[in-house]
């Protein structure tokens, strides 16, 4: 059954699909990383343990995410969907995630709610039958006609284990089609958390969530938070390349260094919410960074644009092979970092006292 909030304006469907295609191209071809800001992980260093007293082959990465066992505490971060090319990217990522046992998040599913014909670009459960899948909608859409039925439909399309609502206020004001009414969203999120029968999380898209905001979200019933901090893709930079306004292009440069570094966001949230399931994402590239994020308090670590070039290859078989190799490399780096501090499993890594500010 289609959601009551399904939009039937064909021109809006085309606008959403076109925007998704542009986003992929820009992220692959243009400089969209934040300028003058980093993830913050370079400010932390592990104290090497020369006598780890464990065998490297015994190090275990297994973890759990809302009842599903995963082989590593790693996540394919929400990226795309809504076009044929995006659907192919999602399926390749799903194959690799299933093979390596990573969780996977989908890009904004607004396109599929507006146009049922695009639902297939988000349907990856066949490629990823055992790993956690996270559906995704923009939180601001709760102020633009999307309610619990639309959110439930997104979960159904993806056969998802959870729904994440993304917060992207700074992107929306630089986007020519932007939805900028973020008024009273916390109450709308709270109502959704009460009505939806899967866990509801909230994520940023690259500017971070501070501890105070995370506490407010927790109080509203949110089940998990994705810090999604600065240091990776800046969506004001992405939208700069789409803008037809010279004023907005110039203004975007003023925000190239905006946001909360991932490391700061994770640390702040964990200090205020010791038990909240927490994802660290934003500019993640290596397993060493993932190890630092987990030591700071993250339960999962998300990788996004670093995976996109391999996922967007024209040859599906080559793309999947390269993705699997990239996943393996990240896992190896994570295990090597754990070996270097004498942490035999993820719980040991979370409890280590060997990470400190430089």
Protein backbone atom coordinates (compact mmCIF):
# COMPACT_ATOMS: atom_id res chain seq x y z
CA UNK A 1 0.00 0.00 0.00
CA UNK A 2 1.29 3.43 -0.86
CA UNK A 3 1.80 5.96 1.86
CA UNK A 4 -0.76 8.71 2.24
CA UNK A 5 2.12 11.13 1.85
CA UNK A 6 3.13 9.82 -1.61
CA UNK A 7 3.79 12.76 -3.92
CA UNK A 8 2.49 12.41 -7.46
CA UNK A 9 3.98 15.51 -9.08
CA UNK A 10 6.14 14.01 -11.86
CA UNK A 11 8.31 17.13 -12.10
CA UNK A 12 9.22 16.75 -8.43
CA UNK A 13 10.16 13.11 -9.04
CA UNK A 14 12.47 14.20 -11.85
CA UNK A 15 13.98 16.96 -9.71
CA UNK A 16 14.80 14.51 -6.90
CA UNK A 17 16.33 11.93 -9.27
CA UNK A 18 18.31 14.60 -11.10
CA UNK A 19 19.64 15.94 -7.81
CA UNK A 20 20.79 12.46 -6.76
CA UNK A 21 22.66 12.00 -10.05
CA UNK A 22 24.33 15.38 -9.65
CA UNK A 23 25.35 14.56 -6.09
CA UNK A 24 27.09 11.36 -7.20
CA UNK A 25 28.93 13.12 -10.01
CA UNK A 26 30.03 16.02 -7.82
CA UNK A 27 31.23 13.75 -5.00
CA UNK A 28 33.29 11.78 -7.51
CA UNK A 29 34.71 14.67 -9.53
CA UNK A 30 34.86 17.81 -7.40
CA UNK A 31 36.67 18.96 -4.25
CA UNK A 32 33.93 18.65 -1.63
CA UNK A 33 35.89 17.94 1.54
CA UNK A 34 35.63 20.55 4.25
CA UNK A 35 38.45 23.09 4.21
CA UNK A 36 40.26 24.14 7.37
CA UNK A 37 38.62 21.42 9.45
CA UNK A 38 39.43 17.76 10.03
CA UNK A 39 37.92 14.70 11.68
CA UNK A 40 40.02 15.42 14.78
CA UNK A 41 41.41 11.88 15.00
CA UNK A 42 44.89 13.15 14.18
CA UNK A 43 44.84 14.78 17.63
CA UNK A 44 44.68 11.36 19.29
CA UNK A 45 47.38 8.73 19.50
CA UNK A 46 47.42 5.15 20.77
CA UNK A 47 50.16 4.28 23.23
CA UNK A 48 51.89 1.28 21.68
CA UNK A 49 51.96 -1.96 23.64
CA UNK A 50 55.18 -3.79 22.78
CA UNK A 51 54.04 -6.94 24.60
CA UNK A 52 50.35 -7.41 23.66
CA UNK A 53 50.16 -10.95 25.13
CA UNK A 54 47.79 -12.19 22.43
CA UNK A 55 47.91 -13.79 19.00
CA UNK A 56 46.94 -11.62 16.05
CA UNK A 57 44.87 -14.48 14.66
CA UNK A 58 42.77 -14.54 17.85
CA UNK A 59 41.62 -10.91 17.57
CA UNK A 60 37.86 -10.79 17.09
CA UNK A 61 35.87 -7.95 15.49
CA UNK A 62 32.42 -9.49 15.95
CA UNK A 63 29.77 -7.17 17.31
CA UNK A 64 25.99 -6.80 17.54
CA UNK A 65 23.65 -4.15 16.22
CA UNK A 66 20.01 -4.25 17.35
CA UNK A 67 19.89 -8.01 17.54
CA UNK A 68 21.87 -8.85 14.40
CA UNK A 69 25.38 -10.24 14.69
CA UNK A 70 27.91 -8.49 12.46
CA UNK A 71 31.42 -9.66 11.67
CA UNK A 72 32.90 -6.18 12.25
CA UNK A 73 31.61 -3.01 13.95
CA UNK A 74 31.62 -1.26 10.58
CA UNK A 75 28.93 0.35 8.47
CA UNK A 76 28.47 1.39 4.87
CA UNK A 77 27.21 4.91 5.53
CA UNK A 78 24.11 6.32 3.87
CA UNK A 79 25.02 7.65 0.45
CA UNK A 80 22.62 7.34 -2.45
CA UNK A 81 19.58 5.91 -4.23
CA UNK A 82 16.79 7.14 -6.48
CA UNK A 83 18.39 6.60 -9.90
CA UNK A 84 19.38 3.50 -11.87
CA UNK A 85 23.07 4.27 -11.37
CA UNK A 86 22.51 4.81 -7.65
CA UNK A 87 20.62 1.53 -7.43
CA UNK A 88 23.58 -0.28 -8.97
CA UNK A 89 25.91 1.40 -6.46
CA UNK A 90 23.69 0.32 -3.56
CA UNK A 91 23.56 -3.28 -4.77
CA UNK A 92 27.34 -3.50 -5.14
CA UNK A 93 27.84 -2.06 -1.68
CA UNK A 94 25.28 -4.52 -0.32
CA UNK A 95 27.08 -7.52 -1.86
CA UNK A 96 30.37 -6.42 -0.30
CA UNK A 97 28.71 -5.65 3.05
CA UNK A 98 27.12 -9.10 3.14
CA UNK A 99 30.39 -10.83 2.25
CA UNK A 100 32.36 -9.00 4.94
CA UNK A 101 29.56 -8.77 7.53
CA UNK A 102 29.16 -4.99 7.70
CA UNK A 103 25.93 -3.13 8.40
CA UNK A 104 24.67 -0.93 5.56
CA UNK A 105 22.72 2.32 5.46
CA UNK A 106 20.81 3.61 2.46
CA UNK A 107 20.73 7.13 1.10
CA UNK A 108 17.65 9.32 1.49
CA UNK A 109 14.60 7.34 0.37
CA UNK A 110 12.45 10.38 -0.33
CA UNK A 111 12.63 9.60 -4.07
CA UNK A 112 11.05 6.18 -3.50
CA UNK A 113 8.24 7.66 -1.41
CA UNK A 114 7.53 10.27 -4.09
CA UNK A 115 7.74 7.75 -6.92
CA UNK A 116 7.19 4.04 -6.32
CA UNK A 117 9.02 3.24 -9.57
CA UNK A 118 12.27 4.24 -7.84
CA UNK A 119 11.79 1.88 -4.90
CA UNK A 120 13.92 -0.82 -6.54
CA UNK A 121 17.02 1.40 -6.25
CA UNK A 122 16.82 0.93 -2.47
CA UNK A 123 15.89 -2.75 -2.41
CA UNK A 124 19.10 -4.50 -1.39
CA UNK A 125 17.87 -7.19 1.01
CA UNK A 126 18.35 -9.88 -1.63
CA UNK A 127 22.06 -8.91 -1.84
CA UNK A 128 22.38 -8.45 1.93
CA UNK A 129 20.09 -11.01 3.59
CA UNK A 130 21.81 -11.26 6.99
CA UNK A 131 23.36 -7.88 7.82
CA UNK A 132 21.58 -4.89 9.39
CA UNK A 133 20.00 -2.55 6.84
CA UNK A 134 19.10 1.01 7.82
CA UNK A 135 16.44 2.94 5.86
CA UNK A 136 16.80 6.72 5.65
CA UNK A 137 14.64 9.82 5.30
CA UNK A 138 15.28 13.49 5.89
CA UNK A 139 13.94 14.58 9.27
CA UNK A 140 12.78 17.87 7.76
CA UNK A 141 10.35 15.95 5.54
CA UNK A 142 8.25 15.47 8.68
CA UNK A 143 7.40 19.16 8.19
CA UNK A 144 6.61 18.69 4.50
CA UNK A 145 3.88 16.06 4.50
CA UNK A 146 5.78 12.91 5.45
CA UNK A 147 4.39 11.15 8.50
CA UNK A 148 4.53 7.72 10.05
CA UNK A 149 3.03 6.08 6.94
CA UNK A 150 5.84 7.40 4.73
CA UNK A 151 8.46 6.33 7.27
CA UNK A 152 6.89 2.91 7.56
CA UNK A 153 6.87 2.62 3.78
CA UNK A 154 10.60 3.42 3.63
CA UNK A 155 11.27 0.63 6.11
CA UNK A 156 9.09 -1.77 4.10
CA UNK A 157 10.80 -0.95 0.79
CA UNK A 158 14.24 -1.61 2.24
CA UNK A 159 13.12 -4.49 4.50
CA UNK A 160 15.14 -2.51 7.01
CA UNK A 161 16.00 -3.22 10.63
CA UNK A 162 15.88 0.47 11.56
CA UNK A 163 15.14 3.93 10.20
CA UNK A 164 17.53 6.86 10.47
CA UNK A 165 16.34 10.45 10.06
CA UNK A 166 19.06 12.70 8.71
CA UNK A 167 19.55 16.29 9.83
CA UNK A 168 20.95 18.45 7.04
CA UNK A 169 19.88 22.00 7.82
CA UNK A 170 23.01 23.63 6.42
CA UNK A 171 22.72 21.65 3.19
CA UNK A 172 19.09 22.62 2.72
CA UNK A 173 19.77 26.35 2.89
CA UNK A 174 22.39 26.06 0.14
CA UNK A 175 20.28 23.73 -2.00
CA UNK A 176 18.19 25.47 -4.62
CA UNK A 177 15.30 23.07 -3.90
CA UNK A 178 15.97 23.15 -0.17
CA UNK A 179 13.38 22.54 2.54
CA UNK A 180 14.36 24.92 5.31
CA UNK A 181 11.55 24.71 7.87
CA UNK A 182 13.18 22.88 10.77
CA UNK A 183 10.67 24.23 13.32
CA UNK A 184 9.34 21.88 16.01
CA UNK A 185 11.10 18.85 14.53
CA UNK A 186 11.97 17.36 17.92
CA UNK A 187 8.28 16.91 18.74
CA UNK A 188 7.67 15.31 15.34
CA UNK A 189 10.61 12.94 15.87
CA UNK A 190 9.29 12.03 19.31
CA UNK A 191 5.87 11.21 17.88
CA UNK A 192 7.44 9.05 15.17
CA UNK A 193 9.57 7.15 17.71
CA UNK A 194 6.40 6.25 19.59
CA UNK A 195 4.56 5.01 16.50
CA UNK A 196 7.16 3.23 14.37
CA UNK A 197 7.80 -0.42 15.18
CA UNK A 198 11.53 -0.40 14.37
CA UNK A 199 14.31 1.57 16.09
CA UNK A 200 14.52 5.20 14.94
CA UNK A 201 17.89 6.90 14.87
CA UNK A 202 19.08 10.37 13.95
CA UNK A 203 22.21 11.28 11.99
CA UNK A 204 23.86 14.40 10.73
CA UNK A 205 25.30 14.50 7.20
CA UNK A 206 28.74 15.89 7.94
CA UNK A 207 28.52 18.74 10.45
CA UNK A 208 28.23 16.68 13.63
CA UNK A 209 25.85 16.37 16.56
CA UNK A 210 26.86 17.81 19.92
CA UNK A 211 26.20 16.10 23.23
CA UNK A 212 23.46 18.51 24.28
CA UNK A 213 21.47 17.84 21.11
CA UNK A 214 22.01 14.09 21.50
CA UNK A 215 20.55 14.27 25.02
CA UNK A 216 17.45 16.02 23.63
CA UNK A 217 17.11 13.34 20.96
CA UNK A 218 17.50 10.58 23.53
CA UNK A 219 14.77 12.18 25.61
CA UNK A 220 12.51 12.12 22.54
CA UNK A 221 12.91 8.37 22.26
CA UNK A 222 15.60 8.11 19.60
CA UNK A 223 17.24 4.67 19.72
CA UNK A 224 20.63 5.54 18.24
CA UNK A 225 22.66 8.51 17.05
CA UNK A 226 25.11 8.81 14.16
CA UNK A 227 27.47 11.68 14.97
CA UNK A 228 28.37 12.16 11.26
CA UNK A 229 30.85 14.91 12.04
CA UNK A 230 32.98 17.28 10.03
CA UNK A 231 36.22 16.33 8.36
CA UNK A 232 34.83 14.56 5.32
CA UNK A 233 32.26 15.65 2.76
CA UNK A 234 30.88 19.15 3.25
CA UNK A 235 27.42 19.32 1.70
CA UNK A 236 27.57 23.09 1.44
CA UNK A 237 30.57 22.49 -0.81
CA UNK A 238 28.60 19.92 -2.80
CA UNK A 239 25.64 22.26 -3.24
CA UNK A 240 28.01 25.06 -4.25
CA UNK A 241 28.75 23.10 -7.41
CA UNK A 242 25.02 22.85 -8.17
CA UNK A 243 24.08 26.42 -7.40
CA UNK A 244 23.20 28.90 -10.11
CA UNK A 245 23.56 31.77 -7.65
CA UNK A 246 26.94 33.48 -7.52
CA UNK A 247 26.03 34.87 -4.12
CA UNK A 248 25.37 31.40 -2.72
CA UNK A 249 28.52 29.99 -4.33
CA UNK A 250 30.55 32.70 -2.58
CA UNK A 251 28.67 32.23 0.69
CA UNK A 252 29.34 28.49 0.64
CA UNK A 253 33.07 29.20 0.87
CA UNK A 254 32.49 30.87 4.23
CA UNK A 255 31.12 27.55 5.53
CA UNK A 256 33.79 25.24 4.11
CA UNK A 257 35.20 24.82 7.62
CA UNK A 258 31.86 24.60 9.44
CA UNK A 259 30.94 21.80 11.82
CA UNK A 260 32.00 19.66 14.76
CA UNK A 261 34.92 17.29 14.09
CA UNK A 262 33.86 13.65 14.26
CA UNK A 263 36.16 12.86 17.18
CA UNK A 264 34.78 15.76 19.22
CA UNK A 265 31.19 14.83 18.43
CA UNK A 266 31.66 11.18 19.42
CA UNK A 267 33.47 12.07 22.62
CA UNK A 268 30.85 14.66 23.65
CA UNK A 269 27.90 12.34 22.97
CA UNK A 270 29.47 9.40 24.77
CA UNK A 271 30.34 11.50 27.82
CA UNK A 272 26.73 12.67 28.13
CA UNK A 273 25.03 9.43 27.08
CA UNK A 274 27.11 6.46 28.30
CA UNK A 275 24.69 3.83 26.99
CA UNK A 276 23.28 5.31 23.77
CA UNK A 277 24.08 3.18 20.68
CA UNK A 278 26.43 5.46 18.77
CA UNK A 279 27.79 5.53 15.22
CA UNK A 280 30.87 7.53 14.24
CA UNK A 281 31.03 8.66 10.60
CA UNK A 282 32.33 11.51 8.50
CA UNK A 283 35.57 11.42 6.55
CA UNK A 284 36.52 7.95 7.77
CA UNK A 285 39.18 6.29 5.61
CA UNK A 286 41.24 3.84 7.66
CA UNK A 287 40.84 1.14 10.23
CA UNK A 288 43.13 3.08 12.55
CA UNK A 289 40.63 5.95 12.56
CA UNK A 290 37.89 3.40 13.21
CA UNK A 291 39.83 2.05 16.19
CA UNK A 292 40.20 5.55 17.61
CA UNK A 293 36.47 6.20 17.14
CA UNK A 294 35.56 3.00 18.98
CA UNK A 295 38.02 3.79 21.78
CA UNK A 296 36.30 7.19 22.10
CA UNK A 297 32.93 5.51 22.49
CA UNK A 298 31.48 4.57 19.09
CA UNK A 299 29.70 1.25 18.67
CA UNK A 300 29.81 1.32 14.86
CA UNK A 301 32.02 3.25 12.46
CA UNK A 302 30.62 4.35 9.11
CA UNK A 303 32.51 4.69 5.83
CA UNK A 304 30.92 6.71 3.03
CA UNK A 305 32.55 8.67 0.23
CA UNK A 306 35.79 6.69 0.60
CA UNK A 307 33.86 3.70 -0.82
CA UNK A 308 32.12 5.57 -3.63
CA UNK A 309 34.81 5.46 -6.35
CA UNK A 310 34.97 1.66 -6.18
CA UNK A 311 31.19 1.30 -5.97
CA UNK A 312 30.64 3.57 -8.98
CA UNK A 313 32.84 1.57 -11.36
CA UNK A 314 31.26 0.66 -14.72
CA UNK A 315 32.11 -3.03 -14.28
CA UNK A 316 30.05 -4.58 -11.50
CA UNK A 317 32.32 -7.57 -10.94
CA UNK A 318 35.44 -5.41 -10.71
CA UNK A 319 33.59 -2.92 -8.50
CA UNK A 320 32.52 -5.57 -6.02
CA UNK A 321 35.98 -7.16 -5.93
CA UNK A 322 37.61 -3.80 -5.22
CA UNK A 323 35.05 -3.00 -2.55
CA UNK A 324 35.65 -6.32 -0.82
CA UNK A 325 39.40 -5.67 -0.94
CA UNK A 326 38.85 -2.20 0.53
CA UNK A 327 36.66 -3.62 3.30
CA UNK A 328 39.32 -6.25 4.04
CA UNK A 329 42.02 -3.58 4.22
CA UNK A 330 40.01 -1.48 6.67
CA UNK A 331 39.32 -4.54 8.82
CA UNK A 332 43.01 -5.49 8.78
CA UNK A 333 44.00 -1.99 9.88
CA UNK A 334 41.45 -2.12 12.69
CA UNK A 335 42.72 -5.50 13.88
CA UNK A 336 46.35 -4.33 13.59
CA UNK A 337 45.60 -1.27 15.74
CA UNK A 338 43.95 -3.54 18.31
CA UNK A 339 46.98 -5.84 18.25
CA UNK A 340 49.22 -2.81 18.74
CA UNK A 341 47.51 -1.94 22.03
CA UNK A 342 46.76 -5.46 23.20
CA UNK A 343 42.98 -5.39 22.67
CA UNK A 344 41.67 -8.84 21.76
CA UNK A 345 38.08 -7.86 21.01
CA UNK A 346 35.85 -4.84 20.52
CA UNK A 347 34.90 -4.64 24.18
CA UNK A 348 38.59 -4.46 25.11
CA UNK A 349 39.05 -1.67 22.55
CA UNK A 350 36.12 0.29 24.02
CA UNK A 351 37.66 0.03 27.48
CA UNK A 352 41.29 0.77 26.55
CA UNK A 353 43.24 3.44 28.40
CA UNK A 354 45.82 3.60 25.60
CA UNK A 355 44.23 6.41 23.58
CA UNK A 356 45.07 9.95 24.55
CA UNK A 357 45.19 13.47 23.16
CA UNK A 358 48.55 14.40 21.73
